Every structure is written in structure tokens, then in C-alpha cells.
């Protein structure tokens, strides 16, 4: 049985409405105002 580890999500916003969200592995995903998800070329903030 695999258990999930709880973690707190951090969210940052940019002036143009872009959201940056981290995952449990420290990766940062970027959601643009156009609705596109991208893996941001950076690490957890």
C-alpha cells in the first residue's frame, strides 16, 4: 500500500495574472492567464 505524504502548497502570482504553484518534489508549475500549464524552469520558492 502506498501512502501519500501531506505537504503545503505555495502559490505566487505575477502582475500579469500568472500563477506559480509548487509540488511535493519542489518543481514549480506555471499557469498562464490563457489557461496553459507549464513546468517552470526553476525550483521551489
C-alpha atoms as a PDB file:
ATOM      1  CA  UNK A   1       0.000   0.000   0.000  1.00  0.00           C
ATOM      2  CA  UNK A   2       1.356   3.412  -0.965  1.00  0.00           C
ATOM      3  CA  UNK A   3       0.594   6.378   1.239  1.00  0.00           C
ATOM      4  CA  UNK A   4       0.708   9.976   0.135  1.00  0.00           C
ATOM      5  CA  UNK A   5       2.757  12.454   2.140  1.00  0.00           C
ATOM      6  CA  UNK A   6       0.946  15.683   3.030  1.00  0.00           C
ATOM      7  CA  UNK A   7       2.598  18.962   2.059  1.00  0.00           C
ATOM      8  CA  UNK A   8       1.723  22.629   1.905  1.00  0.00           C
ATOM      9  CA  UNK A   9       1.337  24.213  -1.492  1.00  0.00           C
ATOM     10  CA  UNK A  10       2.911  27.600  -2.065  1.00  0.00           C
ATOM     11  CA  UNK A  11       1.388  29.924  -4.606  1.00  0.00           C
ATOM     12  CA  UNK A  12       2.854  33.114  -6.036  1.00  0.00           C
ATOM     13  CA  UNK A  13       1.322  35.459  -8.559  1.00  0.00           C
ATOM     14  CA  UNK A  14       2.810  37.775 -11.141  1.00  0.00           C
ATOM     15  CA  UNK A  15       1.428  41.163 -12.221  1.00  0.00           C
ATOM     16  CA  UNK A  16       0.109  39.686 -15.479  1.00  0.00           C
ATOM     17  CA  UNK A  17      -2.042  37.135 -13.602  1.00  0.00           C
ATOM     18  CA  UNK A  18       0.300  34.155 -13.964  1.00  0.00           C
ATOM     19  CA  UNK A  19       0.197  31.686 -11.059  1.00  0.00           C
ATOM     20  CA  UNK A  20       3.209  29.714  -9.838  1.00  0.00           C
ATOM     21  CA  UNK A  21       2.455  26.568  -7.790  1.00  0.00           C
ATOM     22  CA  UNK A  22       4.940  24.125  -6.298  1.00  0.00           C
ATOM     23  CA  UNK A  23       4.507  20.363  -5.912  1.00  0.00           C
ATOM     24  CA  UNK A  24       5.830  17.951  -3.276  1.00  0.00           C
ATOM     25  CA  UNK A  25       9.026  17.329  -5.291  1.00  0.00           C
ATOM     26  CA  UNK A  26       9.962  21.014  -5.360  1.00  0.00           C
ATOM     27  CA  UNK A  27       9.049  21.553  -9.001  1.00  0.00           C
ATOM     28  CA  UNK A  28       7.243  24.756  -9.882  1.00  0.00           C
ATOM     29  CA  UNK A  29       4.378  24.850 -12.365  1.00  0.00           C
ATOM     30  CA  UNK A  30       3.213  27.998 -14.098  1.00  0.00           C
ATOM     31  CA  UNK A  31      -0.427  28.624 -15.064  1.00  0.00           C
ATOM     32  CA  UNK A  32      -0.785  31.465 -17.552  1.00  0.00           C
ATOM     33  CA  UNK A  33      -3.887  33.653 -17.902  1.00  0.00           C
ATOM     34  CA  UNK A  34      -4.536  31.809 -21.207  1.00  0.00           C
ATOM     35  CA  UNK A  35      -5.003  28.587 -19.211  1.00  0.00           C
ATOM     36  CA  UNK A  36      -1.770  26.807 -20.163  1.00  0.00           C
ATOM     37  CA  UNK A  37       0.155  24.764 -17.554  1.00  0.00           C
ATOM     38  CA  UNK A  38       3.946  24.702 -17.958  1.00  0.00           C
ATOM     39  CA  UNK A  39       6.779  23.314 -15.871  1.00  0.00           C
ATOM     40  CA  UNK A  40       8.653  26.430 -14.813  1.00  0.00           C
ATOM     41  CA  UNK A  41      12.438  26.307 -15.254  1.00  0.00           C
ATOM     42  CA  UNK A  42      13.122  26.887 -11.594  1.00  0.00           C
ATOM     43  CA  UNK A  43      12.870  25.352  -8.169  1.00  0.00           C
ATOM     44  CA  UNK A  44      10.645  25.784  -5.183  1.00  0.00           C
ATOM     45  CA  UNK A  45      10.384  29.339  -3.905  1.00  0.00           C
END
